[in-house]
Amino acid sequence: MATANSAGRHSPRHARVLAPGRGSELVSRHVVILAGGSGTRLWPRSREDHPKHLLAFHEKQSLLQATFARVRSLTEHVYVITERSQVESIAAQLPELAEDHYIIEPARRGTASALGLAAVTIARTDPDATMISVHADHYLGGDWEPYLSTLKAEADWAESEKTLVTVGLKPPYPSTAFGYIQLGERVPGKHAQPAYRVKAFVEKPDLKTAERYVKDGGYLWHLGLFSWPVSVLFRELEEHAPRLGQGLNQYAAEIRAGKQAAATESYLQLPTEAIDTALLERTPNLLMVGAQFEWHDVGSWADLHDILEQDDAGNFAEGDHILIDSKDCMIHSTRKLVAAVGLEGMVVIETEDAILICPKARSQDVKLIVERLKQMGKKEYL
């Protein structure tokens, strides 16, 4: 089992990458994989101690393992930020990840605090570092190179412009599940991919607004892939999210003084907020590079069904099954035979201790089952 304190401890060696346009100046790049949360919409397979990024969906690797394999080609400094309850499961999947490359959140406080904690940890040994953050549960197509090129490009822009950079994807359809980026003017520069100023950042609009954004053509999905020099993130938080910025400063000071208990208490006092609302909607110092790769957010059983290989009737079935006159279904079984007649657009998920049955169109509401289980005190199913 890998262990680390909540600040993490990192080796003194840093991967050095020559930043284009910076002459002979060398900067180090650190990739942080966000691997927290429990993925409640993929219950009953996703649980608190084994969330969706640890699941393998019809592949040999879990989403986390695939993410780790991709980003480790960028730098030897890859970190996973997670909560203590998941460390043992993550260590079993990533035996090559050093113990001092775990960053353990004392408690869930949203992505703003998590990314701030990662920056504080990295800055302890490399205050000039550039940080790249990715999510553990994103699903990509088979070609990784466009994804890696995009991450490199956003880091190049972050370093040359001393700013925050994010990644946007042209939306194939209106969605209320993602934030949207309104594009501004193109930024002068000669990096591998162009960058644009972010005119506005809108967090998860309603469907009517999302439809207008897609029709407009000037809005992109926000993928939650970031890059920034750690010093720039601290500056931006202090200006636009002062409570969080000051709290992280206090946390860092207590870590430096060896006051672990006090540092943990300081972290518990941080606001619980997403980086989107805490900072991105407020700062004018945000650039965007466009995603040129296949990308999927596995946010529900319907989302997963759409990206898995289906039979001629549109069914994906894993495990022992018999399907008669059934179409557009998502079936998963671990040990029991699943037999269905005349089903259409349904999700049936069987695990050792639970069975989920719901229409695909309602798969976003599986989280309500998890909420009900919590209310009932049935922790054994969480």
Protein backbone atom coordinates (compact mmCIF):
# COMPACT_ATOMS: atom_id res chain seq x y z
CA MET A 1 0.00 0.00 0.00
CA ALA A 2 1.39 3.39 -0.97
CA THR A 3 1.25 6.09 1.64
CA ALA A 4 2.09 9.77 1.75
CA ASN A 5 1.21 12.72 3.91
CA SER A 6 -1.32 15.22 2.63
CA ALA A 7 1.38 17.46 1.24
CA GLY A 8 3.09 14.69 -0.68
CA ARG A 9 6.86 14.50 -0.86
CA HIS A 10 8.70 14.61 -4.12
CA SER A 11 12.17 13.57 -5.20
CA PRO A 12 14.61 16.40 -5.86
CA ARG A 13 15.10 15.39 -9.49
CA HIS A 14 12.91 17.12 -12.07
CA ALA A 15 12.18 16.30 -15.67
CA ARG A 16 13.51 19.19 -17.73
CA VAL A 17 11.78 20.24 -20.92
CA LEU A 18 13.03 23.00 -23.20
CA ALA A 19 10.19 25.47 -23.60
CA PRO A 20 9.89 26.74 -27.19
CA GLY A 21 10.51 30.45 -27.52
CA ARG A 22 12.28 30.67 -24.18
CA GLY A 23 15.87 30.58 -25.43
CA SER A 24 18.00 28.34 -23.25
CA GLU A 25 15.75 28.64 -20.21
CA LEU A 26 14.70 25.27 -18.88
CA VAL A 27 11.45 24.62 -17.09
CA SER A 28 10.10 21.46 -15.51
CA ARG A 29 6.67 20.08 -16.18
CA HIS A 30 4.61 18.06 -13.74
CA VAL A 31 1.43 16.21 -14.66
CA VAL A 32 -1.26 15.83 -12.00
CA ILE A 33 -4.00 13.23 -12.45
CA LEU A 34 -7.20 14.08 -10.59
CA ALA A 35 -8.50 10.76 -9.24
CA GLY A 36 -11.07 11.58 -6.58
CA GLY A 37 -14.81 11.14 -6.27
CA SER A 38 -16.88 8.01 -6.62
CA GLY A 39 -18.69 8.28 -9.96
CA THR A 40 -22.18 7.81 -8.53
CA ARG A 41 -23.87 7.63 -11.96
CA LEU A 42 -22.04 4.35 -12.68
CA TRP A 43 -23.35 2.57 -9.58
CA PRO A 44 -23.38 -0.34 -8.79
CA ARG A 45 -20.02 -1.00 -10.44
CA SER A 46 -18.57 2.30 -9.22
CA ARG A 47 -18.24 2.41 -5.42
CA GLU A 48 -16.56 4.73 -2.92
CA ASP A 49 -13.57 2.41 -2.52
CA HIS A 50 -13.49 1.45 -6.20
CA PRO A 51 -14.76 4.42 -8.27
CA LYS A 52 -15.21 4.60 -12.01
CA HIS A 53 -11.62 5.59 -12.85
CA LEU A 54 -10.52 2.21 -11.44
CA LEU A 55 -12.93 0.27 -13.63
CA ALA A 56 -11.96 -1.46 -16.87
CA PHE A 57 -14.76 -1.21 -19.40
CA HIS A 58 -14.32 -4.06 -21.88
CA GLU A 59 -10.59 -3.33 -21.97
CA LYS A 60 -7.52 -4.62 -20.18
CA GLN A 61 -6.73 -1.25 -18.59
CA SER A 62 -8.84 0.87 -16.27
CA LEU A 63 -9.46 4.51 -17.17
CA LEU A 64 -6.80 5.53 -14.63
CA GLN A 65 -4.24 3.08 -15.99
CA ALA A 66 -4.83 4.32 -19.53
CA THR A 67 -4.48 7.95 -18.40
CA PHE A 68 -1.26 7.20 -16.54
CA ALA A 69 0.19 5.35 -19.53
CA ARG A 70 -0.53 8.33 -21.78
CA VAL A 71 0.85 11.16 -19.66
CA ARG A 72 3.98 9.44 -18.38
CA SER A 73 5.42 9.89 -21.88
CA LEU A 74 5.40 13.66 -21.27
CA THR A 75 7.48 13.67 -18.08
CA GLU A 76 8.73 11.35 -15.37
CA HIS A 77 6.93 13.56 -12.86
CA VAL A 78 3.38 12.25 -12.80
CA TYR A 79 1.34 12.60 -9.61
CA VAL A 80 -2.05 11.27 -8.59
CA ILE A 81 -4.17 13.39 -6.28
CA THR A 82 -6.84 11.39 -4.49
CA GLU A 83 -8.35 10.67 -1.09
CA ARG A 84 -6.88 8.26 1.42
CA SER A 85 -9.63 5.66 1.01
CA GLN A 86 -8.61 5.11 -2.63
CA VAL A 87 -4.82 4.92 -2.23
CA GLU A 88 -4.63 1.16 -1.76
CA SER A 89 -6.76 0.42 -4.83
CA ILE A 90 -4.81 2.91 -6.94
CA ALA A 91 -1.49 1.46 -5.78
CA ALA A 92 -2.63 -2.00 -6.87
CA GLN A 93 -3.27 -0.66 -10.37
CA LEU A 94 -0.21 1.62 -10.60
CA PRO A 95 2.62 -0.31 -8.92
CA GLU A 96 5.16 1.80 -10.82
CA LEU A 97 3.92 5.06 -9.23
CA ALA A 98 6.30 6.04 -6.43
CA GLU A 99 4.86 6.57 -2.95
CA ASP A 100 6.00 10.19 -2.93
CA HIS A 101 3.98 10.88 -6.08
CA TYR A 102 0.65 10.48 -4.28
CA ILE A 103 -0.98 13.70 -3.11
CA ILE A 104 -3.60 12.88 -0.50
CA GLU A 105 -6.47 15.28 0.12
CA PRO A 106 -7.39 15.44 3.81
CA ALA A 107 -11.02 15.77 2.68
CA ARG A 108 -12.97 16.50 -0.50
CA ARG A 109 -13.03 20.24 -1.12
CA GLY A 110 -13.69 20.45 -4.86
CA THR A 111 -11.30 20.79 -7.76
CA ALA A 112 -10.18 24.33 -6.85
CA SER A 113 -8.71 23.19 -3.53
CA ALA A 114 -7.39 19.94 -5.01
CA LEU A 115 -5.51 21.73 -7.79
CA GLY A 116 -4.26 24.29 -5.28
CA LEU A 117 -2.99 21.49 -3.04
CA ALA A 118 -1.19 19.92 -6.00
CA ALA A 119 0.44 23.24 -6.87
CA VAL A 120 1.54 23.79 -3.26
CA THR A 121 3.06 20.32 -3.15
CA ILE A 122 4.94 20.73 -6.43
CA ALA A 123 6.15 24.23 -5.54
CA ARG A 124 7.84 22.96 -2.38
CA THR A 125 10.64 21.46 -4.47
CA ASP A 126 10.15 23.19 -7.83
CA PRO A 127 8.69 26.71 -7.49
CA ASP A 128 9.29 27.41 -11.20
CA ALA A 129 7.37 24.33 -12.34
CA THR A 130 4.65 24.23 -14.95
CA MET A 131 1.70 22.08 -13.96
CA ILE A 132 -0.53 20.11 -16.32
CA SER A 133 -3.71 18.62 -14.86
CA VAL A 134 -5.84 15.87 -16.37
CA HIS A 135 -8.76 13.76 -15.18
CA ALA A 136 -8.42 10.05 -14.49
CA ASP A 137 -11.83 9.13 -15.89
CA HIS A 138 -11.71 10.54 -19.43
CA TYR A 139 -11.98 8.08 -22.29
CA LEU A 140 -9.99 8.65 -25.49
CA GLY A 141 -9.82 6.89 -28.81
CA GLY A 142 -6.85 4.75 -29.78
CA ASP A 143 -4.66 7.57 -31.13
CA TRP A 144 -2.96 9.24 -28.16
CA GLU A 145 -0.61 11.53 -30.06
CA PRO A 146 -3.12 14.36 -30.75
CA TYR A 147 -4.02 14.35 -27.04
CA LEU A 148 -0.38 14.56 -25.97
CA SER A 149 0.32 17.27 -28.56
CA THR A 150 -2.53 19.34 -27.16
CA LEU A 151 -1.21 19.01 -23.59
CA LYS A 152 2.25 20.06 -24.78
CA ALA A 153 0.79 23.02 -26.64
CA GLU A 154 -1.15 24.32 -23.65
CA ALA A 155 1.97 24.04 -21.49
CA ASP A 156 3.96 25.97 -24.12
CA TRP A 157 1.38 28.78 -24.06
CA ALA A 158 1.19 28.76 -20.26
CA GLU A 159 4.96 29.24 -20.02
CA SER A 160 5.37 31.82 -22.77
CA GLU A 161 2.39 33.96 -21.74
CA LYS A 162 2.61 33.40 -17.97
CA THR A 163 -1.09 32.59 -17.84
CA LEU A 164 -3.75 29.95 -17.26
CA VAL A 165 -4.57 27.70 -20.22
CA THR A 166 -7.42 25.27 -20.77
CA VAL A 167 -8.59 22.98 -23.58
CA GLY A 168 -11.85 23.29 -25.52
CA LEU A 169 -13.65 20.85 -27.82
CA LYS A 170 -16.11 21.77 -30.57
CA PRO A 171 -19.41 20.35 -29.24
CA PRO A 172 -20.93 17.62 -31.43
CA TYR A 173 -24.30 18.21 -29.75
CA PRO A 174 -25.86 20.47 -27.08
CA SER A 175 -25.08 19.27 -23.57
CA THR A 176 -25.90 20.58 -20.12
CA ALA A 177 -23.18 18.43 -18.53
CA PHE A 178 -20.21 20.62 -19.47
CA GLY A 179 -19.06 24.19 -19.07
CA TYR A 180 -18.71 26.22 -22.27
CA ILE A 181 -15.92 28.53 -23.42
CA GLN A 182 -16.71 31.54 -25.60
CA LEU A 183 -13.80 32.16 -27.93
CA GLY A 184 -12.10 35.53 -28.16
CA GLU A 185 -9.33 36.69 -30.47
CA ARG A 186 -6.40 34.54 -31.51
CA VAL A 187 -3.20 35.11 -29.54
CA PRO A 188 -0.06 35.98 -31.56
CA GLY A 189 2.57 33.27 -31.27
CA LYS A 190 4.30 30.41 -33.05
CA HIS A 191 3.56 27.37 -30.93
CA ALA A 192 2.48 24.04 -32.43
CA GLN A 193 -1.22 24.85 -31.93
CA PRO A 194 -2.93 28.25 -31.86
CA ALA A 195 -4.37 29.71 -28.67
CA TYR A 196 -7.34 32.01 -28.19
CA ARG A 197 -8.34 34.33 -25.43
CA VAL A 198 -11.36 33.19 -23.48
CA LYS A 199 -14.06 35.83 -23.86
CA ALA A 200 -16.38 34.18 -21.37
CA PHE A 201 -16.60 30.99 -19.37
CA VAL A 202 -20.08 29.60 -18.70
CA GLU A 203 -20.63 26.78 -16.22
CA LYS A 204 -23.15 24.10 -17.34
CA PRO A 205 -25.97 26.03 -19.05
CA ASP A 206 -29.56 24.87 -19.45
CA LEU A 207 -30.51 22.98 -22.62
CA LYS A 208 -31.94 25.98 -24.47
CA THR A 209 -28.77 27.97 -23.87
CA ALA A 210 -26.59 25.00 -24.86
CA GLU A 211 -28.51 24.69 -28.14
CA ARG A 212 -27.88 28.39 -28.83
CA TYR A 213 -24.17 27.97 -28.11
CA VAL A 214 -23.83 25.07 -30.55
CA LYS A 215 -25.72 26.96 -33.26
CA ASP A 216 -23.55 30.04 -32.69
CA GLY A 217 -20.34 28.11 -33.34
CA GLY A 218 -18.23 30.34 -31.13
CA TYR A 219 -18.51 28.18 -28.02
CA LEU A 220 -16.55 25.06 -27.11
CA TRP A 221 -16.95 22.43 -24.43
CA HIS A 222 -14.61 22.89 -21.51
CA LEU A 223 -12.74 19.60 -20.94
CA GLY A 224 -11.11 20.34 -17.59
CA LEU A 225 -7.56 19.94 -18.93
CA PHE A 226 -5.35 22.73 -17.59
CA SER A 227 -1.81 24.04 -17.61
CA TRP A 228 -0.18 26.91 -15.73
CA PRO A 229 3.03 27.84 -13.97
CA VAL A 230 2.35 27.14 -10.30
CA SER A 231 3.33 30.72 -9.43
CA VAL A 232 0.66 32.01 -11.83
CA LEU A 233 -2.03 29.85 -10.21
CA PHE A 234 -1.11 31.24 -6.78
CA ARG A 235 -1.26 34.81 -8.11
CA GLU A 236 -4.64 34.26 -9.74
CA LEU A 237 -6.15 32.60 -6.66
CA GLU A 238 -4.98 35.40 -4.39
CA GLU A 239 -6.60 37.96 -6.70
CA HIS A 240 -9.83 36.23 -7.71
CA ALA A 241 -10.41 33.64 -4.96
CA PRO A 242 -8.75 35.29 -1.95
CA ARG A 243 -10.25 33.02 0.70
CA LEU A 244 -8.90 29.95 -1.09
CA GLY A 245 -5.58 31.62 -1.88
CA GLN A 246 -5.03 32.72 1.71
CA GLY A 247 -6.08 29.31 3.02
CA LEU A 248 -3.56 27.57 0.76
CA ASN A 249 -0.85 29.99 1.90
CA GLN A 250 -1.61 29.12 5.51
CA TYR A 251 -1.61 25.42 4.69
CA ALA A 252 1.76 25.70 2.94
CA ALA A 253 3.28 27.63 5.85
CA GLU A 254 2.16 25.00 8.34
CA ILE A 255 3.56 22.20 6.17
CA ARG A 256 6.91 24.00 6.00
CA ALA A 257 6.87 24.33 9.79
CA GLY A 258 6.18 20.61 10.19
CA LYS A 259 2.74 21.23 11.69
CA GLN A 260 0.86 18.46 9.91
CA ALA A 261 -2.22 18.48 12.17
CA ALA A 262 -2.59 22.25 11.84
CA ALA A 263 -2.14 22.02 8.07
CA THR A 264 -4.87 19.39 7.84
CA GLU A 265 -7.21 21.58 9.88
CA SER A 266 -6.45 24.53 7.58
CA TYR A 267 -7.30 22.42 4.55
CA LEU A 268 -10.61 21.41 6.11
CA GLN A 269 -11.49 25.10 6.35
CA LEU A 270 -11.03 25.70 2.61
CA PRO A 271 -14.18 26.43 0.59
CA THR A 272 -15.67 23.54 -1.38
CA GLU A 273 -15.77 24.86 -4.93
CA ALA A 274 -14.94 23.82 -8.47
CA ILE A 275 -12.03 25.56 -10.17
CA ASP A 276 -14.51 26.67 -12.83
CA THR A 277 -16.57 28.86 -10.51
CA ALA A 278 -13.79 29.73 -8.07
CA LEU A 279 -11.41 31.10 -10.69
CA LEU A 280 -12.08 30.49 -14.37
CA GLU A 281 -15.32 32.48 -14.52
CA ARG A 282 -13.61 35.41 -12.81
CA THR A 283 -10.17 35.77 -14.35
CA PRO A 284 -9.37 37.61 -17.60
CA ASN A 285 -6.07 35.70 -17.81
CA LEU A 286 -7.30 32.53 -19.47
CA LEU A 287 -6.33 31.12 -22.86
CA MET A 288 -7.69 28.12 -24.73
CA VAL A 289 -6.22 25.63 -27.18
CA GLY A 290 -8.50 23.42 -29.24
CA ALA A 291 -8.79 19.67 -28.77
CA GLN A 292 -7.91 17.71 -31.89
CA PHE A 293 -8.60 14.28 -30.42
CA GLU A 294 -11.46 11.87 -29.73
CA TRP A 295 -12.75 12.49 -26.21
CA HIS A 296 -15.55 11.12 -24.06
CA ASP A 297 -16.62 11.87 -20.52
CA VAL A 298 -17.94 8.61 -19.09
CA GLY A 299 -20.58 10.28 -16.96
CA SER A 300 -23.38 7.72 -17.15
CA TRP A 301 -24.22 4.23 -18.37
CA ALA A 302 -25.73 5.79 -21.50
CA ASP A 303 -22.46 7.63 -22.19
CA LEU A 304 -20.52 4.40 -21.76
CA HIS A 305 -22.91 2.47 -24.01
CA ASP A 306 -22.41 5.01 -26.78
CA ILE A 307 -18.63 4.49 -26.94
CA LEU A 308 -18.48 0.70 -26.60
CA GLU A 309 -18.67 -1.67 -29.55
CA GLN A 310 -22.25 -2.77 -30.12
CA ASP A 311 -23.90 -5.60 -32.02
CA ASP A 312 -26.14 -5.12 -35.04
CA ALA A 313 -29.10 -4.35 -32.76
CA GLY A 314 -27.20 -1.65 -30.90
CA ASN A 315 -26.68 -3.78 -27.78
CA PHE A 316 -23.53 -3.96 -25.70
CA ALA A 317 -23.57 -7.09 -23.55
CA GLU A 318 -20.79 -8.28 -21.26
CA GLY A 319 -21.00 -11.52 -19.31
CA ASP A 320 -23.43 -14.43 -19.67
CA HIS A 321 -26.54 -13.23 -21.53
CA ILE A 322 -29.42 -14.12 -23.83
CA LEU A 323 -31.11 -11.23 -25.66
CA ILE A 324 -34.21 -11.85 -27.76
CA ASP A 325 -35.84 -9.08 -29.80
CA SER A 326 -33.93 -6.51 -27.73
CA LYS A 327 -32.09 -3.45 -29.00
CA ASP A 328 -30.11 -0.42 -27.83
CA CYS A 329 -29.39 -1.99 -24.42
CA MET A 330 -26.41 -1.88 -22.06
CA ILE A 331 -25.97 -5.22 -20.27
CA HIS A 332 -23.25 -6.17 -17.80
CA SER A 333 -23.13 -9.29 -15.63
CA THR A 334 -20.38 -10.61 -13.39
CA ARG A 335 -21.73 -14.04 -12.46
CA LYS A 336 -25.43 -14.47 -13.31
CA LEU A 337 -27.05 -15.15 -16.66
CA VAL A 338 -29.00 -12.09 -17.85
CA ALA A 339 -31.91 -13.03 -20.13
CA ALA A 340 -34.13 -10.39 -21.73
CA VAL A 341 -37.02 -10.40 -24.19
CA GLY A 342 -38.28 -7.30 -25.99
CA LEU A 343 -36.16 -4.75 -24.16
CA GLU A 344 -35.30 -1.43 -25.81
CA GLY A 345 -33.04 1.33 -24.54
CA MET A 346 -32.46 -0.28 -21.15
CA VAL A 347 -29.52 -0.58 -18.77
CA VAL A 348 -29.10 -3.80 -16.77
CA ILE A 349 -26.03 -3.99 -14.52
CA GLU A 350 -25.48 -7.01 -12.26
CA THR A 351 -22.75 -7.13 -9.60
CA GLU A 352 -22.08 -9.45 -6.68
CA ASP A 353 -24.44 -7.60 -4.34
CA ALA A 354 -26.73 -5.41 -6.46
CA ILE A 355 -28.68 -5.19 -9.72
CA LEU A 356 -29.48 -1.94 -11.52
CA ILE A 357 -32.34 -1.74 -14.03
CA CYS A 358 -33.23 1.58 -15.64
CA PRO A 359 -33.98 3.19 -19.02
CA LYS A 360 -30.90 4.57 -20.77
CA ALA A 361 -32.64 7.93 -20.92
CA ARG A 362 -32.75 8.03 -17.11
CA SER A 363 -29.19 6.81 -16.50
CA GLN A 364 -28.09 10.25 -15.26
CA ASP A 365 -30.49 9.70 -12.36
CA VAL A 366 -28.66 6.65 -11.03
CA LYS A 367 -27.00 9.09 -8.62
CA LEU A 368 -30.41 9.36 -6.92
CA ILE A 369 -30.13 5.70 -5.92
CA VAL A 370 -26.80 6.43 -4.25
CA GLU A 371 -28.34 9.38 -2.43
CA ARG A 372 -31.22 7.18 -1.24
CA LEU A 373 -28.81 4.49 -0.03
CA LYS A 374 -26.98 7.13 2.01
CA GLN A 375 -30.27 8.30 3.52
CA MET A 376 -31.12 4.71 4.42
CA GLY A 377 -27.72 4.14 6.01
CA LYS A 378 -26.92 1.23 3.70
CA LYS A 379 -23.18 1.88 3.59
CA GLU A 380 -22.43 -1.66 2.45
CA TYR A 381 -23.81 -0.75 -0.99
CA LEU A 382 -21.86 2.48 -1.34
